[in-house]
C-alpha atoms as a PDB file:
ATOM      1  CA  MET A   1      95.106  82.913 113.204  1.00  0.00           C
ATOM      2  CA  SER A   2      98.582  84.848 112.820  1.00  0.00           C
ATOM      3  CA  THR A   3      99.392  86.226 109.346  1.00  0.00           C
ATOM      4  CA  PRO A   4     102.788  86.341 108.085  1.00  0.00           C
ATOM      5  CA  ASP A   5     104.767  89.506 107.105  1.00  0.00           C
ATOM      6  CA  VAL A   6     104.231  90.942 104.229  1.00  0.00           C
ATOM      7  CA  PRO A   7     107.802  91.066 102.713  1.00  0.00           C
ATOM      8  CA  VAL A   8     108.341  94.382 100.362  1.00  0.00           C
ATOM      9  CA  LEU A   9     107.452  93.523  96.386  1.00  0.00           C
ATOM     10  CA  GLY A  10     109.598  95.627  94.940  1.00  0.00           C
ATOM     11  CA  PRO A  11     112.266  99.027  95.573  1.00  0.00           C
ATOM     12  CA  PRO A  12     110.213 102.392  94.112  1.00  0.00           C
ATOM     13  CA  LEU A  13     111.875 104.240  91.567  1.00  0.00           C
ATOM     14  CA  SER A  14     114.225 106.820  93.203  1.00  0.00           C
ATOM     15  CA  LEU A  15     114.536 110.197  91.784  1.00  0.00           C
ATOM     16  CA  ASP A  16     115.512 112.171  95.039  1.00  0.00           C
ATOM     17  CA  ALA A  17     118.257 113.238  92.987  1.00  0.00           C
ATOM     18  CA  GLN A  18     116.849 115.470  90.349  1.00  0.00           C
ATOM     19  CA  THR A  19     114.237 117.147  92.946  1.00  0.00           C
ATOM     20  CA  ASP A  20     115.034 120.611  94.435  1.00  0.00           C
ATOM     21  CA  GLN A  21     115.061 119.515  98.179  1.00  0.00           C
ATOM     22  CA  ALA A  22     118.290 119.718  99.953  1.00  0.00           C
ATOM     23  CA  THR A  23     120.709 116.606 100.759  1.00  0.00           C
ATOM     24  CA  PRO A  24     120.583 116.402 104.522  1.00  0.00           C
ATOM     25  CA  THR A  25     124.317 116.441 105.305  1.00  0.00           C
ATOM     26  CA  PHE A  26     126.030 115.188 108.416  1.00  0.00           C
ATOM     27  CA  VAL A  27     127.970 116.879 110.538  1.00  0.00           C
ATOM     28  CA  ALA A  28     130.873 115.540 112.868  1.00  0.00           C
ATOM     29  CA  PRO A  29     129.953 115.592 116.841  1.00  0.00           C
ATOM     30  CA  THR A  30     132.617 118.435 118.464  1.00  0.00           C
ATOM     31  CA  GLN A  31     135.201 117.037 120.647  1.00  0.00           C
ATOM     32  CA  ASP A  32     133.562 118.073 123.426  1.00  0.00           C
ATOM     33  CA  SER A  33     130.019 116.725 122.555  1.00  0.00           C
ATOM     34  CA  ALA A  34     131.560 113.371 121.310  1.00  0.00           C
ATOM     35  CA  PRO A  35     131.919 110.651 124.161  1.00  0.00           C
ATOM     36  CA  GLU A  36     134.871 108.886 124.562  1.00  0.00           C
ATOM     37  CA  ALA A  37     135.435 105.735 122.739  1.00  0.00           C
ATOM     38  CA  SER A  38     136.364 103.393 125.045  1.00  0.00           C
ATOM     39  CA  THR A  39     132.450 104.556 126.322  1.00  0.00           C
ATOM     40  CA  LEU A  40     131.474 103.019 123.272  1.00  0.00           C
ATOM     41  CA  ASP A  41     129.861  99.375 122.695  1.00  0.00           C
ATOM     42  CA  PRO A  42     130.570  97.740 119.648  1.00  0.00           C
ATOM     43  CA  ALA A  43     127.179  97.635 118.026  1.00  0.00           C
ATOM     44  CA  PRO A  44     125.373  94.000 117.883  1.00  0.00           C
ATOM     45  CA  THR A  45     125.019  92.527 114.827  1.00  0.00           C
ATOM     46  CA  THR A  46     121.975  90.286 113.993  1.00  0.00           C
ATOM     47  CA  THR A  47     121.489  87.889 110.961  1.00  0.00           C
ATOM     48  CA  LEU A  48     118.136  87.309 110.705  1.00  0.00           C
ATOM     49  CA  PRO A  49     117.193  84.056 109.287  1.00  0.00           C
ATOM     50  CA  PRO A  50     115.783  83.611 105.912  1.00  0.00           C
ATOM     51  CA  PRO A  51     111.389  83.946 105.679  1.00  0.00           C
ATOM     52  CA  THR A  52     110.220  80.311 105.515  1.00  0.00           C
ATOM     53  CA  PRO A  53     108.982  80.162 101.904  1.00  0.00           C
ATOM     54  CA  GLY A  54     105.494  79.141 101.651  1.00  0.00           C
ATOM     55  CA  ILE A  55     105.214  76.771  99.046  1.00  0.00           C
ATOM     56  CA  GLU A  56     108.363  74.752  98.505  1.00  0.00           C
ATOM     57  CA  ALA A  57     108.519  71.956  96.351  1.00  0.00           C
ATOM     58  CA  ARG A  58     111.623  69.498  95.351  1.00  0.00           C
ATOM     59  CA  PHE A  59     112.413  67.150  92.997  1.00  0.00           C
ATOM     60  CA  LEU A  60     108.572  65.956  92.735  1.00  0.00           C
ATOM     61  CA  HIS A  61     107.636  63.000  90.592  1.00  0.00           C
ATOM     62  CA  ARG A  62     104.800  61.564  89.835  1.00  0.00           C
ATOM     63  CA  ALA A  63     104.078  58.862  87.001  1.00  0.00           C
ATOM     64  CA  PHE A  64     100.954  57.551  85.784  1.00  0.00           C
ATOM     65  CA  GLY A  65     101.509  54.069  83.709  1.00  0.00           C
ATOM     66  CA  PRO A  66     103.698  55.491  81.185  1.00  0.00           C
ATOM     67  CA  VAL A  67     103.274  59.092  81.366  1.00  0.00           C
ATOM     68  CA  ARG A  68     105.698  61.009  83.882  1.00  0.00           C
ATOM     69  CA  ALA A  69     102.734  63.941  84.608  1.00  0.00           C
ATOM     70  CA  VAL A  70     105.351  65.605  86.636  1.00  0.00           C
ATOM     71  CA  ASP A  71     109.065  64.898  86.540  1.00  0.00           C
ATOM     72  CA  GLY A  72     111.276  66.432  88.794  1.00  0.00           C
ATOM     73  CA  VAL A  73     109.674  69.660  89.654  1.00  0.00           C
ATOM     74  CA  THR A  74     111.402  72.303  92.093  1.00  0.00           C
ATOM     75  CA  PHE A  75     110.629  76.044  93.087  1.00  0.00           C
ATOM     76  CA  THR A  76     109.595  78.015  96.156  1.00  0.00           C
ATOM     77  CA  ALA A  77     106.753  80.135  96.324  1.00  0.00           C
ATOM     78  CA  GLU A  78     106.959  82.893  99.072  1.00  0.00           C
ATOM     79  CA  GLN A  79     104.798  84.622 101.967  1.00  0.00           C
ATOM     80  CA  GLY A  80     103.206  87.704 100.575  1.00  0.00           C
ATOM     81  CA  LYS A  81     103.564  87.189  96.611  1.00  0.00           C
ATOM     82  CA  VAL A  82     101.601  85.645  94.002  1.00  0.00           C
ATOM     83  CA  THR A  83     103.018  82.862  91.923  1.00  0.00           C
ATOM     84  CA  ALA A  84     101.634  82.541  88.398  1.00  0.00           C
ATOM     85  CA  LEU A  85     102.248  78.817  87.414  1.00  0.00           C
ATOM     86  CA  ILE A  86     102.266  78.266  83.755  1.00  0.00           C
ATOM     87  CA  GLY A  87     102.198  75.600  81.072  1.00  0.00           C
ATOM     88  CA  PRO A  88      99.937  74.799  78.084  1.00  0.00           C
ATOM     89  CA  ASN A  89      97.311  71.364  77.987  1.00  0.00           C
ATOM     90  CA  GLY A  90      99.294  68.225  79.410  1.00  0.00           C
ATOM     91  CA  SER A  91     102.319  70.563  81.110  1.00  0.00           C
ATOM     92  CA  GLY A  92     101.656  68.718  84.804  1.00  0.00           C
ATOM     93  CA  LYS A  93      99.915  72.183  86.188  1.00  0.00           C
ATOM     94  CA  THR A  94      96.859  70.313  87.989  1.00  0.00           C
ATOM     95  CA  THR A  95      99.315  67.141  89.534  1.00  0.00           C
ATOM     96  CA  LEU A  96     101.352  69.330  90.830  1.00  0.00           C
ATOM     97  CA  LEU A  97      98.968  70.803  92.358  1.00  0.00           C
ATOM     98  CA  LEU A  98      96.921  68.255  93.492  1.00  0.00           C
ATOM     99  CA  ILE A  99     100.400  67.124  95.226  1.00  0.00           C
ATOM    100  CA  LEU A 100     100.979  70.399  96.802  1.00  0.00           C
ATOM    101  CA  ALA A 101      97.659  70.196  98.260  1.00  0.00           C
ATOM    102  CA  GLY A 102      97.997  66.591  99.848  1.00  0.00           C
ATOM    103  CA  LEU A 103      95.768  64.952  97.356  1.00  0.00           C
ATOM    104  CA  LEU A 104      98.009  63.304  95.792  1.00  0.00           C
ATOM    105  CA  ALA A 105     101.435  61.128  96.799  1.00  0.00           C
ATOM    106  CA  PRO A 106     104.188  61.765  94.926  1.00  0.00           C
ATOM    107  CA  ASP A 107     106.448  58.987  93.660  1.00  0.00           C
ATOM    108  CA  SER A 108     109.393  60.304  95.203  1.00  0.00           C
ATOM    109  CA  GLY A 109     110.431  64.101  96.216  1.00  0.00           C
ATOM    110  CA  GLN A 110     109.444  66.573  98.922  1.00  0.00           C
ATOM    111  CA  ALA A 111     106.037  68.961  98.958  1.00  0.00           C
ATOM    112  CA  PHE A 112     106.245  72.077 102.112  1.00  0.00           C
ATOM    113  CA  ILE A 113     103.925  74.224 103.239  1.00  0.00           C
ATOM    114  CA  LEU A 114     105.375  76.825 105.303  1.00  0.00           C
ATOM    115  CA  GLY A 115     107.757  74.936 106.515  1.00  0.00           C
ATOM    116  CA  HIS A 116     105.615  71.559 107.142  1.00  0.00           C
ATOM    117  CA  ASP A 117     106.156  68.558 105.075  1.00  0.00           C
ATOM    118  CA  VAL A 118     102.954  67.511 103.127  1.00  0.00           C
ATOM    119  CA  ALA A 119     103.505  64.183 102.861  1.00  0.00           C
ATOM    120  CA  LYS A 120     104.489  63.903 106.825  1.00  0.00           C
ATOM    121  CA  GLU A 121     103.019  66.124 108.525  1.00  0.00           C
ATOM    122  CA  SER A 122      99.331  66.049 106.638  1.00  0.00           C
ATOM    123  CA  LEU A 123      97.106  67.549 108.822  1.00  0.00           C
ATOM    124  CA  LYS A 124      99.332  70.708 109.812  1.00  0.00           C
ATOM    125  CA  ALA A 125      99.619  71.451 106.263  1.00  0.00           C
ATOM    126  CA  ARG A 126      96.479  71.308 105.137  1.00  0.00           C
ATOM    127  CA  CYS A 127      95.109  73.636 107.856  1.00  0.00           C
ATOM    128  CA  LEU A 128      97.119  76.226 106.133  1.00  0.00           C
ATOM    129  CA  ILE A 129      95.983  75.356 102.202  1.00  0.00           C
ATOM    130  CA  GLY A 130      93.183  77.347 100.788  1.00  0.00           C
ATOM    131  CA  TRP A 131      92.036  74.748  97.691  1.00  0.00           C
ATOM    132  CA  MET A 132      90.561  75.598  94.541  1.00  0.00           C
ATOM    133  CA  PRO A 133      90.203  72.855  91.683  1.00  0.00           C
ATOM    134  CA  ASP A 134      89.659  74.149  88.330  1.00  0.00           C
ATOM    135  CA  ILE A 135      85.955  71.948  88.695  1.00  0.00           C
ATOM    136  CA  PHE A 136      84.004  73.047  91.899  1.00  0.00           C
ATOM    137  CA  GLY A 137      82.135  70.151  92.900  1.00  0.00           C
ATOM    138  CA  THR A 138      79.214  71.315  95.391  1.00  0.00           C
ATOM    139  CA  TRP A 139      76.046  69.908  97.147  1.00  0.00           C
ATOM    140  CA  ASP A 140      73.730  70.993  94.835  1.00  0.00           C
ATOM    141  CA  ALA A 141      70.853  70.900  96.966  1.00  0.00           C
ATOM    142  CA  LEU A 142      72.742  73.306  99.949  1.00  0.00           C
ATOM    143  CA  THR A 143      72.361  76.832 100.067  1.00  0.00           C
ATOM    144  CA  PRO A 144      75.876  78.503  99.631  1.00  0.00           C
ATOM    145  CA  VAL A 145      75.222  79.867 102.870  1.00  0.00           C
ATOM    146  CA  GLU A 146      75.668  76.038 104.288  1.00  0.00           C
ATOM    147  CA  ILE A 147      77.957  75.143 102.289  1.00  0.00           C
ATOM    148  CA  LEU A 148      81.106  77.672 103.431  1.00  0.00           C
ATOM    149  CA  THR A 149      79.475  77.196 107.097  1.00  0.00           C
ATOM    150  CA  THR A 150      79.584  73.265 107.035  1.00  0.00           C
ATOM    151  CA  PHE A 151      83.774  73.704 105.514  1.00  0.00           C
ATOM    152  CA  GLY A 152      84.558  76.276 108.502  1.00  0.00           C
ATOM    153  CA  ARG A 153      83.139  73.396 110.767  1.00  0.00           C
ATOM    154  CA  ALA A 154      85.065  71.274 109.196  1.00  0.00           C
ATOM    155  CA  TYR A 155      88.029  73.447 109.870  1.00  0.00           C
ATOM    156  CA  GLY A 156      87.325  73.048 113.431  1.00  0.00           C
ATOM    157  CA  MET A 157      85.304  76.704 113.414  1.00  0.00           C
ATOM    158  CA  LYS A 158      82.881  77.198 116.079  1.00  0.00           C
ATOM    159  CA  LYS A 159      79.292  77.034 114.570  1.00  0.00           C
ATOM    160  CA  ALA A 160      78.849  80.911 115.628  1.00  0.00           C
ATOM    161  CA  ASP A 161      82.232  82.000 113.882  1.00  0.00           C
ATOM    162  CA  ALA A 162      81.749  79.669 110.906  1.00  0.00           C
ATOM    163  CA  ASP A 163      78.157  81.512 110.295  1.00  0.00           C
ATOM    164  CA  ALA A 164      79.505  84.951 110.720  1.00  0.00           C
ATOM    165  CA  ARG A 165      82.426  84.032 108.177  1.00  0.00           C
ATOM    166  CA  ALA A 166      80.108  82.553 105.421  1.00  0.00           C
ATOM    167  CA  TRP A 167      78.257  85.911 105.377  1.00  0.00           C
ATOM    168  CA  GLU A 168      81.339  87.918 104.882  1.00  0.00           C
ATOM    169  CA  LEU A 169      82.749  85.858 102.334  1.00  0.00           C
ATOM    170  CA  LEU A 170      79.380  86.155 100.280  1.00  0.00           C
ATOM    171  CA  ARG A 171      79.583  89.351 100.485  1.00  0.00           C
ATOM    172  CA  GLN A 172      83.027  90.020  99.294  1.00  0.00           C
ATOM    173  CA  LEU A 173      82.178  88.047  96.483  1.00  0.00           C
ATOM    174  CA  TRP A 174      78.612  89.567  95.389  1.00  0.00           C
ATOM    175  CA  LEU A 175      76.736  86.250  95.791  1.00  0.00           C
ATOM    176  CA  VAL A 176      74.607  87.390  99.330  1.00  0.00           C
ATOM    177  CA  GLU A 177      71.322  87.534  96.783  1.00  0.00           C
ATOM    178  CA  PHE A 178      71.816  83.360  96.162  1.00  0.00           C
ATOM    179  CA  ALA A 179      73.148  83.051  99.946  1.00  0.00           C
ATOM    180  CA  LYS A 180      70.153  81.229 100.729  1.00  0.00           C
ATOM    181  CA  GLN A 181      69.410  79.796  97.225  1.00  0.00           C
ATOM    182  CA  PRO A 182      70.345  75.911  96.387  1.00  0.00           C
ATOM    183  CA  ALA A 183      73.369  75.897  94.922  1.00  0.00           C
ATOM    184  CA  ARG A 184      72.107  73.947  91.709  1.00  0.00           C
ATOM    185  CA  VAL A 185      70.925  77.347  90.450  1.00  0.00           C
ATOM    186  CA  LEU A 186      74.199  79.180  90.605  1.00  0.00           C
ATOM    187  CA  SER A 187      76.100  79.998  87.055  1.00  0.00           C
ATOM    188  CA  ARG A 188      79.096  78.802  86.491  1.00  0.00           C
ATOM    189  CA  GLY A 189      80.504  82.092  87.384  1.00  0.00           C
ATOM    190  CA  GLN A 190      78.709  82.120  90.636  1.00  0.00           C
ATOM    191  CA  LYS A 191      80.127  78.746  91.404  1.00  0.00           C
ATOM    192  CA  GLN A 192      83.648  79.352  90.610  1.00  0.00           C
ATOM    193  CA  ARG A 193      82.916  82.773  92.791  1.00  0.00           C
ATOM    194  CA  LEU A 194      81.537  80.014  95.521  1.00  0.00           C
ATOM    195  CA  GLY A 195      84.653  77.882  95.138  1.00  0.00           C
ATOM    196  CA  LEU A 196      87.362  80.530  96.367  1.00  0.00           C
ATOM    197  CA  ALA A 197      84.860  81.201  99.163  1.00  0.00           C
ATOM    198  CA  ARG A 198      85.327  77.907 100.015  1.00  0.00           C
ATOM    199  CA  ALA A 199      89.372  78.178  99.876  1.00  0.00           C
ATOM    200  CA  LEU A 200      88.863  81.315 102.218  1.00  0.00           C
ATOM    201  CA  VAL A 201      86.751  80.163 104.188  1.00  0.00           C
ATOM    202  CA  HIS A 202      89.104  79.087 107.413  1.00  0.00           C
ATOM    203  CA  ASP A 203      91.495  82.206 106.404  1.00  0.00           C
ATOM    204  CA  PRO A 204      94.203  79.873 104.794  1.00  0.00           C
ATOM    205  CA  HIS A 205      97.862  81.117 104.786  1.00  0.00           C
ATOM    206  CA  VAL A 206      98.505  79.460 101.519  1.00  0.00           C
ATOM    207  CA  LEU A 207      95.831  79.529  98.536  1.00  0.00           C
ATOM    208  CA  LEU A 208      96.201  77.292  95.405  1.00  0.00           C
ATOM    209  CA  LEU A 209      94.283  78.280  92.664  1.00  0.00           C
ATOM    210  CA  ASP A 210      93.467  76.094  89.480  1.00  0.00           C
ATOM    211  CA  GLU A 211      91.963  78.293  86.804  1.00  0.00           C
ATOM    212  CA  PRO A 212      90.360  80.369  88.936  1.00  0.00           C
ATOM    213  CA  ALA A 213      89.464  83.451  86.911  1.00  0.00           C
ATOM    214  CA  SER A 214      87.543  79.923  84.430  1.00  0.00           C
ATOM    215  CA  GLY A 215      83.693  81.433  83.654  1.00  0.00           C
ATOM    216  CA  LEU A 216      83.965  84.591  84.972  1.00  0.00           C
ATOM    217  CA  ASP A 217      82.976  87.690  83.358  1.00  0.00           C
ATOM    218  CA  PRO A 218      85.048  90.943  82.666  1.00  0.00           C
ATOM    219  CA  ARG A 219      83.943  92.491  85.681  1.00  0.00           C
ATOM    220  CA  SER A 220      84.381  89.719  88.173  1.00  0.00           C
ATOM    221  CA  ARG A 221      87.952  89.151  86.681  1.00  0.00           C
ATOM    222  CA  ILE A 222      89.466  92.382  87.738  1.00  0.00           C
ATOM    223  CA  GLU A 223      87.111  92.219  91.288  1.00  0.00           C
ATOM    224  CA  LEU A 224      89.061  88.635  91.615  1.00  0.00           C
ATOM    225  CA  ARG A 225      92.416  89.759  90.718  1.00  0.00           C
ATOM    226  CA  ASP A 226      92.045  92.596  93.500  1.00  0.00           C
ATOM    227  CA  ILE A 227      91.278  90.228  96.064  1.00  0.00           C
ATOM    228  CA  VAL A 228      94.278  87.953  95.245  1.00  0.00           C
ATOM    229  CA  ARG A 229      96.358  90.806  95.581  1.00  0.00           C
ATOM    230  CA  GLY A 230      94.906  92.186  98.898  1.00  0.00           C
ATOM    231  CA  LEU A 231      95.788  88.417 100.218  1.00  0.00           C
ATOM    232  CA  ALA A 232      99.320  88.741  99.202  1.00  0.00           C
ATOM    233  CA  GLU A 233      99.233  92.076 101.187  1.00  0.00           C
ATOM    234  CA  GLN A 234      98.425  90.318 103.884  1.00  0.00           C
ATOM    235  CA  GLY A 235     101.319  88.161 103.549  1.00  0.00           C
ATOM    236  CA  LYS A 236      99.473  84.827 102.267  1.00  0.00           C
ATOM    237  CA  THR A 237     101.628  82.866  99.267  1.00  0.00           C
ATOM    238  CA  VAL A 238      99.212  82.765  96.314  1.00  0.00           C
ATOM    239  CA  LEU A 239     100.015  80.000  93.533  1.00  0.00           C
ATOM    240  CA  ILE A 240      97.618  80.672  90.696  1.00  0.00           C
ATOM    241  CA  SER A 241      97.273  77.964  87.112  1.00  0.00           C
ATOM    242  CA  SER A 242      95.626  80.140  84.345  1.00  0.00           C
ATOM    243  CA  HIS A 243      95.662  80.105  80.860  1.00  0.00           C
ATOM    244  CA  VAL A 244      94.976  83.895  80.884  1.00  0.00           C
ATOM    245  CA  LEU A 245      98.364  85.096  80.646  1.00  0.00           C
ATOM    246  CA  SER A 246      97.695  89.003  79.960  1.00  0.00           C
ATOM    247  CA  GLU A 247      95.355  88.583  83.369  1.00  0.00           C
ATOM    248  CA  LEU A 248      98.334  87.027  85.385  1.00  0.00           C
ATOM    249  CA  GLU A 249     101.030  89.524  84.528  1.00  0.00           C
ATOM    250  CA  GLU A 250      98.709  92.507  85.881  1.00  0.00           C
ATOM    251  CA  PHE A 251      99.268  91.178  89.344  1.00  0.00           C
ATOM    252  CA  THR A 252     101.744  88.495  89.650  1.00  0.00           C
ATOM    253  CA  ASP A 253     105.468  89.039  91.004  1.00  0.00           C
ATOM    254  CA  LYS A 254     106.508  85.603  90.167  1.00  0.00           C
ATOM    255  CA  ALA A 255     106.298  82.861  87.527  1.00  0.00           C
ATOM    256  CA  VAL A 256     107.159  79.352  87.234  1.00  0.00           C
ATOM    257  CA  PHE A 257     106.966  77.758  83.331  1.00  0.00           C
ATOM    258  CA  LEU A 258     106.119  73.762  83.353  1.00  0.00           C
ATOM    259  CA  SER A 259     106.489  71.574  80.228  1.00  0.00           C
ATOM    260  CA  GLN A 260     106.308  68.114  79.886  1.00  0.00           C
ATOM    261  CA  GLY A 261     106.057  67.598  83.764  1.00  0.00           C
ATOM    262  CA  ARG A 262     109.331  69.642  84.307  1.00  0.00           C
ATOM    263  CA  THR A 263     110.484  73.296  85.459  1.00  0.00           C
ATOM    264  CA  VAL A 264     111.872  74.868  82.718  1.00  0.00           C
ATOM    265  CA  ASP A 265     113.807  77.983  82.232  1.00  0.00           C
ATOM    266  CA  ALA A 266     112.215  80.986  79.852  1.00  0.00           C
ATOM    267  CA  ASP A 267     112.741  84.636  79.526  1.00  0.00           C
ATOM    268  CA  THR A 268     111.150  85.915  82.246  1.00  0.00           C
ATOM    269  CA  GLY A 269     111.226  82.832  84.710  1.00  0.00           C
ATOM    270  CA  GLY A 270     111.539  83.700  88.246  1.00  0.00           C
ATOM    271  CA  GLU A 271     111.301  87.391  89.752  1.00  0.00           C
ATOM    272  CA  ILE A 272     109.408  89.768  87.640  1.00  0.00           C
ATOM    273  CA  THR A 273     111.319  92.472  89.056  1.00  0.00           C
ATOM    274  CA  THR A 274     111.441  94.911  86.022  1.00  0.00           C
ATOM    275  CA  ARG A 275     108.384  95.852  83.130  1.00  0.00           C
ATOM    276  CA  GLY A 276     107.463  98.024  80.493  1.00  0.00           C
ATOM    277  CA  TRP A 277     105.275 101.167  81.018  1.00  0.00           C
ATOM    278  CA  ARG A 278     103.463 103.004  78.334  1.00  0.00           C
ATOM    279  CA  LEU A 279     103.257 106.900  78.868  1.00  0.00           C
ATOM    280  CA  ALA A 280     101.756 109.726  77.071  1.00  0.00           C
ATOM    281  CA  ALA A 281     101.175 113.394  77.668  1.00  0.00           C
ATOM    282  CA  ALA A 282      98.936 116.404  76.099  1.00  0.00           C
ATOM    283  CA  ASP A 283     102.911 117.870  75.470  1.00  0.00           C
ATOM    284  CA  PRO A 284     104.759 114.722  74.308  1.00  0.00           C
ATOM    285  CA  THR A 285     108.087 116.728  74.173  1.00  0.00           C
ATOM    286  CA  SER A 286     108.029 117.629  77.665  1.00  0.00           C
ATOM    287  CA  LEU A 287     107.431 114.058  78.831  1.00  0.00           C
ATOM    288  CA  ARG A 288     110.976 113.282  76.470  1.00  0.00           C
ATOM    289  CA  SER A 289     112.584 115.891  78.367  1.00  0.00           C
ATOM    290  CA  PHE A 290     111.442 114.796  81.641  1.00  0.00           C
ATOM    291  CA  LEU A 291     112.502 111.605  81.581  1.00  0.00           C
ATOM    292  CA  THR A 292     115.772 112.254  80.358  1.00  0.00           C
ATOM    293  CA  SER A 293     116.233 114.779  82.496  1.00  0.00           C
ATOM    294  CA  VAL A 294     115.321 112.360  85.566  1.00  0.00           C
ATOM    295  CA  ASP A 295     118.206 109.783  83.717  1.00  0.00           C
ATOM    296  CA  ILE A 296     114.890 107.126  82.892  1.00  0.00           C
ATOM    297  CA  PRO A 297     115.951 105.807  79.129  1.00  0.00           C
ATOM    298  CA  TRP A 298     112.626 105.723  76.950  1.00  0.00           C
ATOM    299  CA  LYS A 299     111.833 105.204  73.697  1.00  0.00           C
ATOM    300  CA  ASP A 300     108.987 105.545  71.055  1.00  0.00           C
ATOM    301  CA  ALA A 301     105.991 103.420  71.522  1.00  0.00           C
ATOM    302  CA  PRO A 302     105.705 101.006  68.014  1.00  0.00           C
ATOM    303  CA  GLY A 303     102.260 102.256  66.011  1.00  0.00           C
ATOM    304  CA  SER A 304     101.714 105.417  68.397  1.00  0.00           C
ATOM    305  CA  SER A 305     102.208 108.929  67.795  1.00  0.00           C
ATOM    306  CA  GLY A 306     103.503 110.787  71.057  1.00  0.00           C
ATOM    307  CA  GLU A 307     103.199 108.004  73.349  1.00  0.00           C
ATOM    308  CA  VAL A 308     106.737 106.538  74.860  1.00  0.00           C
ATOM    309  CA  VAL A 309     107.914 103.004  76.947  1.00  0.00           C
ATOM    310  CA  ILE A 310     109.651 102.741  79.670  1.00  0.00           C
ATOM    311  CA  THR A 311     111.077 100.094  82.266  1.00  0.00           C
ATOM    312  CA  LEU A 312     109.945 100.413  85.987  1.00  0.00           C
ATOM    313  CA  ALA A 313     110.754  98.020  88.570  1.00  0.00           C
ATOM    314  CA  GLY A 314     106.422  97.625  89.443  1.00  0.00           C
ATOM    315  CA  PHE A 315     103.767  99.764  90.562  1.00  0.00           C
ATOM    316  CA  ASP A 316     105.741 101.679  93.645  1.00  0.00           C
ATOM    317  CA  SER A 317     108.018 102.777  91.224  1.00  0.00           C
ATOM    318  CA  ALA A 318     105.068 103.894  88.742  1.00  0.00           C
ATOM    319  CA  THR A 319     103.033 105.497  91.580  1.00  0.00           C
ATOM    320  CA  GLN A 320     106.821 107.434  92.544  1.00  0.00           C
ATOM    321  CA  LEU A 321     107.102 108.409  88.944  1.00  0.00           C
ATOM    322  CA  LEU A 322     103.634 109.864  88.292  1.00  0.00           C
ATOM    323  CA  ARG A 323     103.612 112.208  91.123  1.00  0.00           C
ATOM    324  CA  THR A 324     107.509 113.618  90.269  1.00  0.00           C
ATOM    325  CA  ALA A 325     105.817 113.962  86.692  1.00  0.00           C
ATOM    326  CA  VAL A 326     102.901 116.016  87.738  1.00  0.00           C
ATOM    327  CA  SER A 327     104.946 118.058  90.105  1.00  0.00           C
ATOM    328  CA  ALA A 328     107.232 118.969  87.680  1.00  0.00           C
ATOM    329  CA  GLY A 329     104.457 120.004  85.641  1.00  0.00           C
ATOM    330  CA  VAL A 330     104.819 117.689  82.933  1.00  0.00           C
ATOM    331  CA  PRO A 331     100.721 117.725  81.226  1.00  0.00           C
ATOM    332  CA  LEU A 332     100.938 113.066  82.270  1.00  0.00           C
ATOM    333  CA  HIS A 333      97.592 111.579  80.889  1.00  0.00           C
ATOM    334  CA  THR A 334      98.597 108.235  80.547  1.00  0.00           C
ATOM    335  CA  ILE A 335     100.535 105.571  82.474  1.00  0.00           C
ATOM    336  CA  ALA A 336      99.517 102.126  81.969  1.00  0.00           C
ATOM    337  CA  PRO A 337     101.521  99.012  82.050  1.00  0.00           C
ATOM    338  CA  LEU A 338     102.738  96.674  78.634  1.00  0.00           C
ATOM    339  CA  THR A 339     100.922  92.955  78.378  1.00  0.00           C
ATOM    340  CA  GLY A 340     102.480  90.324  76.749  1.00  0.00           C
ATOM    341  CA  ARG A 341     105.709  89.828  78.520  1.00  0.00           C
ATOM    342  CA  LEU A 342     104.478  86.272  80.094  1.00  0.00           C
ATOM    343  CA  GLU A 343     103.058  85.682  76.695  1.00  0.00           C
ATOM    344  CA  GLU A 344     106.139  85.882  75.260  1.00  0.00           C
ATOM    345  CA  ALA A 345     108.432  84.040  77.429  1.00  0.00           C
ATOM    346  CA  TYR A 346     105.893  81.484  76.917  1.00  0.00           C
ATOM    347  CA  LEU A 347     106.331  81.323  73.456  1.00  0.00           C
ATOM    348  CA  THR A 348     110.514  80.858  73.771  1.00  0.00           C
ATOM    349  CA  LEU A 349     109.910  77.313  75.965  1.00  0.00           C
ATOM    350  CA  ASN A 350     111.759  75.388  73.720  1.00  0.00           C
ATOM    351  CA  GLU A 351     109.683  71.931  74.600  1.00  0.00           C
ATOM    352  CA  ASP A 352     107.525  70.490  72.441  1.00  0.00           C
ATOM    353  CA  ARG A 353     103.383  70.492  73.180  1.00  0.00           C
ATOM    354  CA  ARG A 354     102.142  66.694  73.916  1.00  0.00           C
END
């Protein structure tokens, strides 16, 4: 299965103007070397169509009796990015994910997976989806390798390929030692990891993850974050629902907020293009002088002595800043993203809880 191209996640910080490197100078061709104007063909112009969103929801509605669980939800999730689905209990997150997964029909509206209508092209859409529900149901008498192989075969994989893929995922998710034990011996966190492996068994292009970190210990949460980011870097579309907003902020590119079944605006809705970073150096004065010299606005971090807070466009920008600061002799020892932006936006929602 081919993998879509990975779009660039964010522009790096440009500090070229502050370096000592000479700027290349354009030299016009001489009259002897310049071609005649009549021999020059106009440069062709090509306008590429925008990439197809990994997920697109258009005015989705779904009611259960008088309860409007999903009430006109509209949003897109792009390929190669991690989109967070955020909302209080009863906001419609799980119902929306079930509709996108093709497991629940909407009353009206449309859902698309890489351009395929989930209702009209159900088989094509569902073959592209990896679905991980909040509560992982499994066959307790089967072993993890048997479960994954069975699902691989259900997706049309050859037996040898399904078996190889099962062992690959068990190694990736640290479940090899339980591979041939009945699934009933697994803990809640281990079953969550097995659920993620099941969602990945057919190498899907779109991941729908409903509370994937539930029941995981701190180390497993970090490993999950790295896995999800790696999937996005491969070009996959990831839509993830979680109540742990501080962790979501560390690896998501975009946030969609739900309240009472509707998509609502929040202070950080849409693309997360910038975020705050905390910096500290052994010599606070040299750090402040450096930031001023490269025209990066800074302010003192509240409640700390010596630390400063700046705004950058993402991890690429932070890497570039770190490299430049070290080259300039700044004894920088701390550079870390600030957390809490999603929490703040979540609290600004002007919607009542159910």
